[in-house]
Amino acid sequence: MELSTTVTVDEKNSVARVALKGALNTDTAPGFEKRMQEVMKVGHSLTVLDMKDLDYISSAGLRVIFKAAKEANAAGLRMAAANRKPHIDKVFEILKALPDMAVFANEQELDDYLDAMQQAARE
């Protein structure tokens, strides 16, 4: 599955909205990271990730999002996620519940776990 992003900007309020459609995974994360760097470079006060049409997210996608959020915070900017589907929201819930230590043997094990949780949340 592919990922497309559409960026709309509200200059008056200094808000960039990045709409994601498809899957944010190992294959699509590098392109999304480049896109986010372009958006973040402008320096809008708030960048909103609109996940209404995001169907799947893997650890690679999460890594890009968390990296962008960390960079935004360091620059005094804000980042938010909106319109998460229940199975995507479940992934974010899981990550909030995990301790700071690694609990997975490798990235594939983490992706398998996240995939299973998203499948279960869809049912």
PDB file of N, CA and C in Angstrom:
ATOM      1  N   MET A   1       0.841  -1.181   0.000  1.00  0.00           N
ATOM      2  CA  MET A   1       0.000   0.000   0.000  1.00  0.00           C
ATOM      3  C   MET A   1       0.885   1.243   0.000  1.00  0.00           C
ATOM      4  N   GLU A   2       0.440   2.258  -0.654  1.00  0.00           N
ATOM      5  CA  GLU A   2       1.199   3.498  -0.787  1.00  0.00           C
ATOM      6  C   GLU A   2       0.719   4.530   0.222  1.00  0.00           C
ATOM      7  N   LEU A   3       1.457   5.621   0.294  1.00  0.00           N
ATOM      8  CA  LEU A   3       1.090   6.741   1.153  1.00  0.00           C
ATOM      9  C   LEU A   3       1.090   7.998   0.313  1.00  0.00           C
ATOM     10  N   SER A   4       0.024   8.773   0.443  1.00  0.00           N
ATOM     11  CA  SER A   4       0.020  10.094  -0.179  1.00  0.00           C
ATOM     12  C   SER A   4      -0.196  11.119   0.926  1.00  0.00           C
ATOM     13  N   THR A   5       0.402  12.287   0.721  1.00  0.00           N
ATOM     14  CA  THR A   5       0.231  13.365   1.693  1.00  0.00           C
ATOM     15  C   THR A   5      -0.210  14.618   0.961  1.00  0.00           C
ATOM     16  N   THR A   6      -1.099  15.337   1.586  1.00  0.00           N
ATOM     17  CA  THR A   6      -1.562  16.606   1.058  1.00  0.00           C
ATOM     18  C   THR A   6      -1.352  17.645   2.149  1.00  0.00           C
ATOM     19  N   VAL A   7      -0.659  18.705   1.818  1.00  0.00           N
ATOM     20  CA  VAL A   7      -0.373  19.759   2.792  1.00  0.00           C
ATOM     21  C   VAL A   7      -1.204  20.984   2.448  1.00  0.00           C
ATOM     22  N   THR A   8      -1.942  21.467   3.427  1.00  0.00           N
ATOM     23  CA  THR A   8      -2.654  22.736   3.287  1.00  0.00           C
ATOM     24  C   THR A   8      -2.165  23.655   4.399  1.00  0.00           C
ATOM     25  N   VAL A   9      -2.050  24.925   4.078  1.00  0.00           N
ATOM     26  CA  VAL A   9      -1.482  25.879   5.023  1.00  0.00           C
ATOM     27  C   VAL A   9      -2.460  27.014   5.278  1.00  0.00           C
ATOM     28  N   ASP A  10      -2.635  27.320   6.541  1.00  0.00           N
ATOM     29  CA  ASP A  10      -3.399  28.487   6.975  1.00  0.00           C
ATOM     30  C   ASP A  10      -2.362  29.509   7.443  1.00  0.00           C
ATOM     31  N   GLU A  11      -1.945  30.371   6.529  1.00  0.00           N
ATOM     32  CA  GLU A  11      -0.889  31.347   6.832  1.00  0.00           C
ATOM     33  C   GLU A  11      -1.296  32.287   7.959  1.00  0.00           C
ATOM     34  N   LYS A  12      -2.569  32.687   7.958  1.00  0.00           N
ATOM     35  CA  LYS A  12      -3.054  33.637   8.960  1.00  0.00           C
ATOM     36  C   LYS A  12      -2.828  33.114  10.374  1.00  0.00           C
ATOM     37  N   ASN A  13      -3.087  31.823  10.578  1.00  0.00           N
ATOM     38  CA  ASN A  13      -2.944  31.229  11.909  1.00  0.00           C
ATOM     39  C   ASN A  13      -1.658  30.429  12.076  1.00  0.00           C
ATOM     40  N   SER A  14      -0.813  30.416  11.048  1.00  0.00           N
ATOM     41  CA  SER A  14       0.468  29.694  11.058  1.00  0.00           C
ATOM     42  C   SER A  14       0.276  28.211  11.380  1.00  0.00           C
ATOM     43  N   VAL A  15      -0.653  27.590  10.620  1.00  0.00           N
ATOM     44  CA  VAL A  15      -0.955  26.168  10.815  1.00  0.00           C
ATOM     45  C   VAL A  15      -0.773  25.430   9.491  1.00  0.00           C
ATOM     46  N   ALA A  16      -0.026  24.336   9.549  1.00  0.00           N
ATOM     47  CA  ALA A  16       0.114  23.443   8.395  1.00  0.00           C
ATOM     48  C   ALA A  16      -0.630  22.157   8.728  1.00  0.00           C
ATOM     49  N   ARG A  17      -1.492  21.713   7.815  1.00  0.00           N
ATOM     50  CA  ARG A  17      -2.228  20.457   7.993  1.00  0.00           C
ATOM     51  C   ARG A  17      -1.701  19.473   6.959  1.00  0.00           C
ATOM     52  N   VAL A  18      -1.189  18.344   7.480  1.00  0.00           N
ATOM     53  CA  VAL A  18      -0.642  17.299   6.618  1.00  0.00           C
ATOM     54  C   VAL A  18      -1.613  16.124   6.667  1.00  0.00           C
ATOM     55  N   ALA A  19      -2.351  15.926   5.575  1.00  0.00           N
ATOM     56  CA  ALA A  19      -3.310  14.819   5.500  1.00  0.00           C
ATOM     57  C   ALA A  19      -2.595  13.593   4.945  1.00  0.00           C
ATOM     58  N   LEU A  20      -2.713  12.471   5.666  1.00  0.00           N
ATOM     59  CA  LEU A  20      -2.081  11.221   5.255  1.00  0.00           C
ATOM     60  C   LEU A  20      -3.143  10.264   4.738  1.00  0.00           C
ATOM     61  N   LYS A  21      -2.834   9.588   3.637  1.00  0.00           N
ATOM     62  CA  LYS A  21      -3.764   8.616   3.068  1.00  0.00           C
ATOM     63  C   LYS A  21      -2.988   7.369   2.672  1.00  0.00           C
ATOM     64  N   GLY A  22      -3.394   6.222   3.209  1.00  0.00           N
ATOM     65  CA  GLY A  22      -2.737   4.959   2.880  1.00  0.00           C
ATOM     66  C   GLY A  22      -2.014   4.374   4.067  1.00  0.00           C
ATOM     67  N   ALA A  23      -0.787   3.895   3.826  1.00  0.00           N
ATOM     68  CA  ALA A  23      -0.009   3.213   4.858  1.00  0.00           C
ATOM     69  C   ALA A  23       1.307   3.935   5.106  1.00  0.00           C
ATOM     70  N   LEU A  24       1.606   4.169   6.366  1.00  0.00           N
ATOM     71  CA  LEU A  24       2.886   4.751   6.768  1.00  0.00           C
ATOM     72  C   LEU A  24       3.709   3.612   7.351  1.00  0.00           C
ATOM     73  N   ASN A  25       4.570   3.048   6.511  1.00  0.00           N
ATOM     74  CA  ASN A  25       5.319   1.846   6.895  1.00  0.00           C
ATOM     75  C   ASN A  25       6.783   1.980   6.474  1.00  0.00           C
ATOM     76  N   THR A  26       7.498   0.888   6.521  1.00  0.00           N
ATOM     77  CA  THR A  26       8.925   0.894   6.185  1.00  0.00           C
ATOM     78  C   THR A  26       9.173   1.430   4.775  1.00  0.00           C
ATOM     79  N   ASP A  27       8.312   1.095   3.845  1.00  0.00           N
ATOM     80  CA  ASP A  27       8.489   1.542   2.461  1.00  0.00           C
ATOM     81  C   ASP A  27       8.184   3.023   2.267  1.00  0.00           C
ATOM     82  N   THR A  28       7.189   3.531   2.974  1.00  0.00           N
ATOM     83  CA  THR A  28       6.738   4.905   2.750  1.00  0.00           C
ATOM     84  C   THR A  28       7.321   5.917   3.736  1.00  0.00           C
ATOM     85  N   ALA A  29       7.893   5.442   4.835  1.00  0.00           N
ATOM     86  CA  ALA A  29       8.418   6.344   5.873  1.00  0.00           C
ATOM     87  C   ALA A  29       9.516   7.283   5.366  1.00  0.00           C
ATOM     88  N   PRO A  30      10.479   6.816   4.553  1.00  0.00           N
ATOM     89  CA  PRO A  30      11.521   7.750   4.094  1.00  0.00           C
ATOM     90  C   PRO A  30      10.967   8.942   3.303  1.00  0.00           C
ATOM     91  N   GLY A  31      10.013   8.695   2.422  1.00  0.00           N
ATOM     92  CA  GLY A  31       9.406   9.783   1.663  1.00  0.00           C
ATOM     93  C   GLY A  31       8.612  10.714   2.555  1.00  0.00           C
ATOM     94  N   PHE A  32       7.908  10.132   3.535  1.00  0.00           N
ATOM     95  CA  PHE A  32       7.134  10.947   4.469  1.00  0.00           C
ATOM     96  C   PHE A  32       8.069  11.791   5.333  1.00  0.00           C
ATOM     97  N   GLU A  33       9.197  11.227   5.710  1.00  0.00           N
ATOM     98  CA  GLU A  33      10.152  11.990   6.514  1.00  0.00           C
ATOM     99  C   GLU A  33      10.653  13.209   5.741  1.00  0.00           C
ATOM    100  N   LYS A  34      10.959  13.035   4.465  1.00  0.00           N
ATOM    101  CA  LYS A  34      11.393  14.162   3.632  1.00  0.00           C
ATOM    102  C   LYS A  34      10.299  15.216   3.541  1.00  0.00           C
ATOM    103  N   ARG A  35       9.068  14.753   3.356  1.00  0.00           N
ATOM    104  CA  ARG A  35       7.928  15.672   3.260  1.00  0.00           C
ATOM    105  C   ARG A  35       7.763  16.462   4.560  1.00  0.00           C
ATOM    106  N   MET A  36       7.904  15.778   5.681  1.00  0.00           N
ATOM    107  CA  MET A  36       7.769  16.442   6.979  1.00  0.00           C
ATOM    108  C   MET A  36       8.898  17.454   7.193  1.00  0.00           C
ATOM    109  N   GLN A  37      10.092  17.123   6.761  1.00  0.00           N
ATOM    110  CA  GLN A  37      11.207  18.065   6.894  1.00  0.00           C
ATOM    111  C   GLN A  37      10.916  19.345   6.112  1.00  0.00           C
ATOM    112  N   GLU A  38      10.343  19.203   4.909  1.00  0.00           N
ATOM    113  CA  GLU A  38       9.982  20.368   4.105  1.00  0.00           C
ATOM    114  C   GLU A  38       8.945  21.223   4.830  1.00  0.00           C
ATOM    115  N   VAL A  39       7.938  20.554   5.382  1.00  0.00           N
ATOM    116  CA  VAL A  39       6.865  21.273   6.082  1.00  0.00           C
ATOM    117  C   VAL A  39       7.407  21.946   7.334  1.00  0.00           C
ATOM    118  N   MET A  40       8.195  21.228   8.106  1.00  0.00           N
ATOM    119  CA  MET A  40       8.688  21.750   9.373  1.00  0.00           C
ATOM    120  C   MET A  40       9.688  22.894   9.161  1.00  0.00           C
ATOM    121  N   LYS A  41      10.401  22.860   8.058  1.00  0.00           N
ATOM    122  CA  LYS A  41      11.402  23.891   7.772  1.00  0.00           C
ATOM    123  C   LYS A  41      10.762  25.276   7.692  1.00  0.00           C
ATOM    124  N   VAL A  42       9.514  25.338   7.255  1.00  0.00           N
ATOM    125  CA  VAL A  42       8.811  26.621   7.124  1.00  0.00           C
ATOM    126  C   VAL A  42       8.595  27.255   8.496  1.00  0.00           C
ATOM    127  N   GLY A  43       8.398  26.423   9.529  1.00  0.00           N
ATOM    128  CA  GLY A  43       8.285  26.943  10.883  1.00  0.00           C
ATOM    129  C   GLY A  43       6.905  27.407  11.302  1.00  0.00           C
ATOM    130  N   HIS A  44       5.865  26.730  10.837  1.00  0.00           N
ATOM    131  CA  HIS A  44       4.511  27.060  11.279  1.00  0.00           C
ATOM    132  C   HIS A  44       4.388  26.796  12.776  1.00  0.00           C
ATOM    133  N   SER A  45       3.597  27.598  13.445  1.00  0.00           N
ATOM    134  CA  SER A  45       3.419  27.429  14.890  1.00  0.00           C
ATOM    135  C   SER A  45       2.868  26.052  15.233  1.00  0.00           C
ATOM    136  N   LEU A  46       1.992  25.541  14.377  1.00  0.00           N
ATOM    137  CA  LEU A  46       1.363  24.244  14.611  1.00  0.00           C
ATOM    138  C   LEU A  46       1.341  23.439  13.321  1.00  0.00           C
ATOM    139  N   THR A  47       1.743  22.187  13.424  1.00  0.00           N
ATOM    140  CA  THR A  47       1.619  21.243  12.317  1.00  0.00           C
ATOM    141  C   THR A  47       0.676  20.143  12.778  1.00  0.00           C
ATOM    142  N   VAL A  48      -0.394  19.943  12.038  1.00  0.00           N
ATOM    143  CA  VAL A  48      -1.393  18.938  12.372  1.00  0.00           C
ATOM    144  C   VAL A  48      -1.291  17.782  11.382  1.00  0.00           C
ATOM    145  N   LEU A  49      -1.136  16.581  11.912  1.00  0.00           N
ATOM    146  CA  LEU A  49      -1.176  15.382  11.085  1.00  0.00           C
ATOM    147  C   LEU A  49      -2.614  14.894  11.077  1.00  0.00           C
ATOM    148  N   ASP A  50      -3.272  15.000   9.940  1.00  0.00           N
ATOM    149  CA  ASP A  50      -4.652  14.543   9.799  1.00  0.00           C
ATOM    150  C   ASP A  50      -4.620  13.085   9.360  1.00  0.00           C
ATOM    151  N   MET A  51      -5.005  12.189  10.264  1.00  0.00           N
ATOM    152  CA  MET A  51      -4.891  10.748  10.028  1.00  0.00           C
ATOM    153  C   MET A  51      -6.219  10.092   9.642  1.00  0.00           C
ATOM    154  N   LYS A  52      -7.158  10.909   9.205  1.00  0.00           N
ATOM    155  CA  LYS A  52      -8.488  10.399   8.847  1.00  0.00           C
ATOM    156  C   LYS A  52      -8.419   9.272   7.823  1.00  0.00           C
ATOM    157  N   ASP A  53      -7.517   9.372   6.860  1.00  0.00           N
ATOM    158  CA  ASP A  53      -7.414   8.375   5.797  1.00  0.00           C
ATOM    159  C   ASP A  53      -6.163   7.498   5.913  1.00  0.00           C
ATOM    160  N   LEU A  54      -5.531   7.517   7.077  1.00  0.00           N
ATOM    161  CA  LEU A  54      -4.375   6.650   7.313  1.00  0.00           C
ATOM    162  C   LEU A  54      -4.900   5.276   7.711  1.00  0.00           C
ATOM    163  N   ASP A  55      -4.522   4.263   6.945  1.00  0.00           N
ATOM    164  CA  ASP A  55      -5.034   2.913   7.172  1.00  0.00           C
ATOM    165  C   ASP A  55      -4.116   2.031   8.003  1.00  0.00           C
ATOM    166  N   TYR A  56      -2.818   2.370   8.024  1.00  0.00           N
ATOM    167  CA  TYR A  56      -1.871   1.504   8.720  1.00  0.00           C
ATOM    168  C   TYR A  56      -0.642   2.315   9.105  1.00  0.00           C
ATOM    169  N   ILE A  57      -0.047   1.967  10.247  1.00  0.00           N
ATOM    170  CA  ILE A  57       1.194   2.603  10.668  1.00  0.00           C
ATOM    171  C   ILE A  57       2.100   1.544  11.282  1.00  0.00           C
ATOM    172  N   SER A  58       3.381   1.588  10.925  1.00  0.00           N
ATOM    173  CA  SER A  58       4.364   0.657  11.482  1.00  0.00           C
ATOM    174  C   SER A  58       5.326   1.434  12.380  1.00  0.00           C
ATOM    175  N   SER A  59       6.272   0.716  12.961  1.00  0.00           N
ATOM    176  CA  SER A  59       7.245   1.371  13.833  1.00  0.00           C
ATOM    177  C   SER A  59       8.077   2.395  13.056  1.00  0.00           C
ATOM    178  N   ALA A  60       8.340   2.135  11.784  1.00  0.00           N
ATOM    179  CA  ALA A  60       9.097   3.095  10.972  1.00  0.00           C
ATOM    180  C   ALA A  60       8.316   4.403  10.834  1.00  0.00           C
ATOM    181  N   GLY A  61       7.012   4.306  10.638  1.00  0.00           N
ATOM    182  CA  GLY A  61       6.177   5.496  10.551  1.00  0.00           C
ATOM    183  C   GLY A  61       6.112   6.243  11.868  1.00  0.00           C
ATOM    184  N   LEU A  62       5.989   5.492  12.948  1.00  0.00           N
ATOM    185  CA  LEU A  62       5.964   6.116  14.274  1.00  0.00           C
ATOM    186  C   LEU A  62       7.268   6.860  14.544  1.00  0.00           C
ATOM    187  N   ARG A  63       8.360   6.260  14.143  1.00  0.00           N
ATOM    188  CA  ARG A  63       9.672   6.869  14.362  1.00  0.00           C
ATOM    189  C   ARG A  63       9.743   8.236  13.662  1.00  0.00           C
ATOM    190  N   VAL A  64       9.229   8.323  12.442  1.00  0.00           N
ATOM    191  CA  VAL A  64       9.246   9.597  11.717  1.00  0.00           C
ATOM    192  C   VAL A  64       8.382  10.628  12.437  1.00  0.00           C
ATOM    193  N   ILE A  65       7.211  10.221  12.887  1.00  0.00           N
ATOM    194  CA  ILE A  65       6.315  11.143  13.594  1.00  0.00           C
ATOM    195  C   ILE A  65       6.947  11.636  14.883  1.00  0.00           C
ATOM    196  N   PHE A  66       7.507  10.724  15.678  1.00  0.00           N
ATOM    197  CA  PHE A  66       8.093  11.130  16.951  1.00  0.00           C
ATOM    198  C   PHE A  66       9.337  12.000  16.750  1.00  0.00           C
ATOM    199  N   LYS A  67      10.093  11.733  15.708  1.00  0.00           N
ATOM    200  CA  LYS A  67      11.268  12.549  15.405  1.00  0.00           C
ATOM    201  C   LYS A  67      10.828  13.963  15.043  1.00  0.00           C
ATOM    202  N   ALA A  68       9.805  14.071  14.198  1.00  0.00           N
ATOM    203  CA  ALA A  68       9.293  15.389  13.803  1.00  0.00           C
ATOM    204  C   ALA A  68       8.737  16.139  15.011  1.00  0.00           C
ATOM    205  N   ALA A  69       8.034  15.436  15.889  1.00  0.00           N
ATOM    206  CA  ALA A  69       7.474  16.066  17.088  1.00  0.00           C
ATOM    207  C   ALA A  69       8.588  16.572  17.998  1.00  0.00           C
ATOM    208  N   LYS A  70       9.644  15.791  18.133  1.00  0.00           N
ATOM    209  CA  LYS A  70      10.776  16.186  18.965  1.00  0.00           C
ATOM    210  C   LYS A  70      11.454  17.421  18.387  1.00  0.00           C
ATOM    211  N   GLU A  71      11.633  17.445  17.065  1.00  0.00           N
ATOM    212  CA  GLU A  71      12.246  18.596  16.410  1.00  0.00           C
ATOM    213  C   GLU A  71      11.357  19.841  16.525  1.00  0.00           C
ATOM    214  N   ALA A  72      10.050  19.654  16.390  1.00  0.00           N
ATOM    215  CA  ALA A  72       9.125  20.783  16.531  1.00  0.00           C
ATOM    216  C   ALA A  72       9.219  21.354  17.947  1.00  0.00           C
ATOM    217  N   ASN A  73       9.201  20.475  18.928  1.00  0.00           N
ATOM    218  CA  ASN A  73       9.278  20.902  20.325  1.00  0.00           C
ATOM    219  C   ASN A  73      10.576  21.668  20.590  1.00  0.00           C
ATOM    220  N   ALA A  74      11.684  21.160  20.071  1.00  0.00           N
ATOM    221  CA  ALA A  74      12.983  21.810  20.267  1.00  0.00           C
ATOM    222  C   ALA A  74      13.011  23.206  19.642  1.00  0.00           C
ATOM    223  N   ALA A  75      12.237  23.401  18.578  1.00  0.00           N
ATOM    224  CA  ALA A  75      12.181  24.692  17.895  1.00  0.00           C
ATOM    225  C   ALA A  75      11.105  25.614  18.472  1.00  0.00           C
ATOM    226  N   GLY A  76      10.420  25.157  19.528  1.00  0.00           N
ATOM    227  CA  GLY A  76       9.365  25.960  20.125  1.00  0.00           C
ATOM    228  C   GLY A  76       8.061  25.920  19.344  1.00  0.00           C
ATOM    229  N   LEU A  77       7.899  24.905  18.511  1.00  0.00           N
ATOM    230  CA  LEU A  77       6.690  24.749  17.698  1.00  0.00           C
ATOM    231  C   LEU A  77       5.867  23.592  18.253  1.00  0.00           C
ATOM    232  N   ARG A  78       4.640  23.458  17.769  1.00  0.00           N
ATOM    233  CA  ARG A  78       3.777  22.378  18.236  1.00  0.00           C
ATOM    234  C   ARG A  78       3.394  21.459  17.091  1.00  0.00           C
ATOM    235  N   MET A  79       3.117  20.220  17.459  1.00  0.00           N
ATOM    236  CA  MET A  79       2.656  19.232  16.484  1.00  0.00           C
ATOM    237  C   MET A  79       1.518  18.455  17.133  1.00  0.00           C
ATOM    238  N   ALA A  80       0.499  18.121  16.334  1.00  0.00           N
ATOM    239  CA  ALA A  80      -0.650  17.390  16.845  1.00  0.00           C
ATOM    240  C   ALA A  80      -1.109  16.363  15.820  1.00  0.00           C
ATOM    241  N   ALA A  81      -1.780  15.334  16.316  1.00  0.00           N
ATOM    242  CA  ALA A  81      -2.377  14.314  15.448  1.00  0.00           C
ATOM    243  C   ALA A  81      -3.886  14.393  15.622  1.00  0.00           C
ATOM    244  N   ALA A  82      -4.610  14.351  14.518  1.00  0.00           N
ATOM    245  CA  ALA A  82      -6.070  14.468  14.573  1.00  0.00           C
ATOM    246  C   ALA A  82      -6.711  13.373  13.736  1.00  0.00           C
ATOM    247  N   ASN A  83      -7.953  13.075  14.072  1.00  0.00           N
ATOM    248  CA  ASN A  83      -8.789  12.159  13.288  1.00  0.00           C
ATOM    249  C   ASN A  83      -8.200  10.748  13.165  1.00  0.00           C
ATOM    250  N   ARG A  84      -7.648  10.242  14.250  1.00  0.00           N
ATOM    251  CA  ARG A  84      -7.079   8.890  14.200  1.00  0.00           C
ATOM    252  C   ARG A  84      -8.195   7.863  14.203  1.00  0.00           C
ATOM    253  N   LYS A  85      -8.074   6.880  13.321  1.00  0.00           N
ATOM    254  CA  LYS A  85      -9.008   5.762  13.301  1.00  0.00           C
ATOM    255  C   LYS A  85      -8.762   4.922  14.548  1.00  0.00           C
ATOM    256  N   PRO A  86      -9.754   4.145  14.986  1.00  0.00           N
ATOM    257  CA  PRO A  86      -9.582   3.366  16.220  1.00  0.00           C
ATOM    258  C   PRO A  86      -8.352   2.466  16.227  1.00  0.00           C
ATOM    259  N   HIS A  87      -8.043   1.815  15.113  1.00  0.00           N
ATOM    260  CA  HIS A  87      -6.888   0.921  15.125  1.00  0.00           C
ATOM    261  C   HIS A  87      -5.568   1.695  15.143  1.00  0.00           C
ATOM    262  N   ILE A  88      -5.542   2.894  14.604  1.00  0.00           N
ATOM    263  CA  ILE A  88      -4.345   3.736  14.682  1.00  0.00           C
ATOM    264  C   ILE A  88      -4.233   4.302  16.098  1.00  0.00           C
ATOM    265  N   ASP A  89      -5.354   4.710  16.658  1.00  0.00           N
ATOM    266  CA  ASP A  89      -5.373   5.217  18.025  1.00  0.00           C
ATOM    267  C   ASP A  89      -4.862   4.153  18.997  1.00  0.00           C
ATOM    268  N   LYS A  90      -5.203   2.898  18.741  1.00  0.00           N
ATOM    269  CA  LYS A  90      -4.767   1.791  19.589  1.00  0.00           C
ATOM    270  C   LYS A  90      -3.238   1.722  19.632  1.00  0.00           C
ATOM    271  N   VAL A  91      -2.584   1.939  18.497  1.00  0.00           N
ATOM    272  CA  VAL A  91      -1.116   1.923  18.448  1.00  0.00           C
ATOM    273  C   VAL A  91      -0.556   3.010  19.364  1.00  0.00           C
ATOM    274  N   PHE A  92      -1.131   4.212  19.299  1.00  0.00           N
ATOM    275  CA  PHE A  92      -0.652   5.297  20.152  1.00  0.00           C
ATOM    276  C   PHE A  92      -0.913   4.991  21.627  1.00  0.00           C
ATOM    277  N   GLU A  93      -2.036   4.359  21.934  1.00  0.00           N
ATOM    278  CA  GLU A  93      -2.320   3.943  23.317  1.00  0.00           C
ATOM    279  C   GLU A  93      -1.280   2.953  23.807  1.00  0.00           C
ATOM    280  N   ILE A  94      -0.950   1.986  22.975  1.00  0.00           N
ATOM    281  CA  ILE A  94       0.039   0.967  23.339  1.00  0.00           C
ATOM    282  C   ILE A  94       1.375   1.626  23.642  1.00  0.00           C
ATOM    283  N   LEU A  95       1.781   2.545  22.803  1.00  0.00           N
ATOM    284  CA  LEU A  95       3.081   3.185  22.996  1.00  0.00           C
ATOM    285  C   LEU A  95       3.118   4.026  24.264  1.00  0.00           C
ATOM    286  N   LYS A  96       2.002   4.639  24.636  1.00  0.00           N
ATOM    287  CA  LYS A  96       1.965   5.396  25.883  1.00  0.00           C
ATOM    288  C   LYS A  96       2.107   4.459  27.083  1.00  0.00           C
ATOM    289  N   ALA A  97       1.620   3.227  26.942  1.00  0.00           N
ATOM    290  CA  ALA A  97       1.629   2.278  28.042  1.00  0.00           C
ATOM    291  C   ALA A  97       2.963   1.559  28.198  1.00  0.00           C
ATOM    292  N   LEU A  98       3.769   1.543  27.148  1.00  0.00           N
ATOM    293  CA  LEU A  98       5.046   0.834  27.218  1.00  0.00           C
ATOM    294  C   LEU A  98       6.040   1.589  28.091  1.00  0.00           C
ATOM    295  N   PRO A  99       6.830   0.879  28.850  1.00  0.00           N
ATOM    296  CA  PRO A  99       7.885   1.551  29.619  1.00  0.00           C
ATOM    297  C   PRO A  99       8.977   2.053  28.680  1.00  0.00           C
ATOM    298  N   ASP A 100       9.882   2.843  29.210  1.00  0.00           N
ATOM    299  CA  ASP A 100      10.950   3.406  28.396  1.00  0.00           C
ATOM    300  C   ASP A 100      11.946   2.361  27.909  1.00  0.00           C
ATOM    301  N   MET A 101      11.933   1.190  28.473  1.00  0.00           N
ATOM    302  CA  MET A 101      12.871   0.153  28.033  1.00  0.00           C
ATOM    303  C   MET A 101      12.314  -0.606  26.837  1.00  0.00           C
ATOM    304  N   ALA A 102      13.191  -1.177  26.033  1.00  0.00           N
ATOM    305  CA  ALA A 102      12.775  -1.955  24.870  1.00  0.00           C
ATOM    306  C   ALA A 102      12.161  -3.276  25.331  1.00  0.00           C
ATOM    307  N   VAL A 103      11.012  -3.615  24.770  1.00  0.00           N
ATOM    308  CA  VAL A 103      10.359  -4.863  25.149  1.00  0.00           C
ATOM    309  C   VAL A 103      10.244  -5.815  23.966  1.00  0.00           C
ATOM    310  N   PHE A 104      10.775  -5.425  22.825  1.00  0.00           N
ATOM    311  CA  PHE A 104      10.721  -6.259  21.637  1.00  0.00           C
ATOM    312  C   PHE A 104      12.134  -6.623  21.216  1.00  0.00           C
ATOM    313  N   ALA A 105      12.291  -7.825  20.717  1.00  0.00           N
ATOM    314  CA  ALA A 105      13.616  -8.305  20.334  1.00  0.00           C
ATOM    315  C   ALA A 105      14.184  -7.540  19.150  1.00  0.00           C
ATOM    316  N   ASN A 106      13.308  -7.123  18.220  1.00  0.00           N
ATOM    317  CA  ASN A 106      13.769  -6.403  17.039  1.00  0.00           C
ATOM    318  C   ASN A 106      12.602  -5.642  16.427  1.00  0.00           C
ATOM    319  N   GLU A 107      12.886  -4.885  15.394  1.00  0.00           N
ATOM    320  CA  GLU A 107      11.872  -4.062  14.745  1.00  0.00           C
ATOM    321  C   GLU A 107      10.753  -4.903  14.135  1.00  0.00           C
ATOM    322  N   GLN A 108      11.101  -6.046  13.570  1.00  0.00           N
ATOM    323  CA  GLN A 108      10.093  -6.916  12.962  1.00  0.00           C
ATOM    324  C   GLN A 108       9.112  -7.421  14.019  1.00  0.00           C
ATOM    325  N   GLU A 109       9.615  -7.763  15.188  1.00  0.00           N
ATOM    326  CA  GLU A 109       8.740  -8.228  16.269  1.00  0.00           C
ATOM    327  C   GLU A 109       7.784  -7.116  16.690  1.00  0.00           C
ATOM    328  N   LEU A 110       8.291  -5.890  16.777  1.00  0.00           N
ATOM    329  CA  LEU A 110       7.439  -4.753  17.105  1.00  0.00           C
ATOM    330  C   LEU A 110       6.382  -4.541  16.032  1.00  0.00           C
ATOM    331  N   ASP A 111       6.789  -4.575  14.752  1.00  0.00           N
ATOM    332  CA  ASP A 111       5.829  -4.394  13.662  1.00  0.00           C
ATOM    333  C   ASP A 111       4.766  -5.487  13.660  1.00  0.00           C
ATOM    334  N   ASP A 112       5.166  -6.726  13.931  1.00  0.00           N
ATOM    335  CA  ASP A 112       4.199  -7.824  13.999  1.00  0.00           C
ATOM    336  C   ASP A 112       3.182  -7.572  15.111  1.00  0.00           C
ATOM    337  N   TYR A 113       3.661  -7.091  16.243  1.00  0.00           N
ATOM    338  CA  TYR A 113       2.785  -6.790  17.379  1.00  0.00           C
ATOM    339  C   TYR A 113       1.823  -5.652  17.038  1.00  0.00           C
ATOM    340  N   LEU A 114       2.358  -4.571  16.458  1.00  0.00           N
ATOM    341  CA  LEU A 114       1.502  -3.441  16.087  1.00  0.00           C
ATOM    342  C   LEU A 114       0.473  -3.831  15.046  1.00  0.00           C
ATOM    343  N   ASP A 115       0.879  -4.684  14.100  1.00  0.00           N
ATOM    344  CA  ASP A 115      -0.039  -5.170  13.075  1.00  0.00           C
ATOM    345  C   ASP A 115      -1.176  -5.967  13.705  1.00  0.00           C
ATOM    346  N   ALA A 116      -0.829  -6.845  14.618  1.00  0.00           N
ATOM    347  CA  ALA A 116      -1.858  -7.666  15.291  1.00  0.00           C
ATOM    348  C   ALA A 116      -2.829  -6.785  16.080  1.00  0.00           C
ATOM    349  N   MET A 117      -2.319  -5.756  16.742  1.00  0.00           N
ATOM    350  CA  MET A 117      -3.186  -4.862  17.522  1.00  0.00           C
ATOM    351  C   MET A 117      -4.104  -4.062  16.613  1.00  0.00           C
ATOM    352  N   GLN A 118      -3.598  -3.616  15.457  1.00  0.00           N
ATOM    353  CA  GLN A 118      -4.440  -2.868  14.525  1.00  0.00           C
ATOM    354  C   GLN A 118      -5.510  -3.771  13.920  1.00  0.00           C
ATOM    355  N   GLN A 119      -5.152  -5.012  13.619  1.00  0.00           N
ATOM    356  CA  GLN A 119      -6.135  -5.976  13.094  1.00  0.00           C
ATOM    357  C   GLN A 119      -7.236  -6.211  14.124  1.00  0.00           C
ATOM    358  N   ALA A 120      -6.843  -6.424  15.358  1.00  0.00           N
ATOM    359  CA  ALA A 120      -7.825  -6.686  16.421  1.00  0.00           C
ATOM    360  C   ALA A 120      -8.738  -5.502  16.638  1.00  0.00           C
ATOM    361  N   ALA A 121      -8.203  -4.297  16.559  1.00  0.00           N
ATOM    362  CA  ALA A 121      -9.021  -3.099  16.765  1.00  0.00           C
ATOM    363  C   ALA A 121     -10.013  -2.876  15.633  1.00  0.00           C
ATOM    364  N   ARG A 122      -9.716  -3.390  14.441  1.00  0.00           N
ATOM    365  CA  ARG A 122     -10.624  -3.254  13.304  1.00  0.00           C
ATOM    366  C   ARG A 122     -11.819  -4.186  13.420  1.00  0.00           C
ATOM    367  N   GLU A 123     -11.659  -5.273  14.137  1.00  0.00           N
ATOM    368  CA  GLU A 123     -12.722  -6.294  14.231  1.00  0.00           C
ATOM    369  C   GLU A 123     -13.812  -5.916  15.189  1.00  0.00           C
TER     370      GLU A 123
END
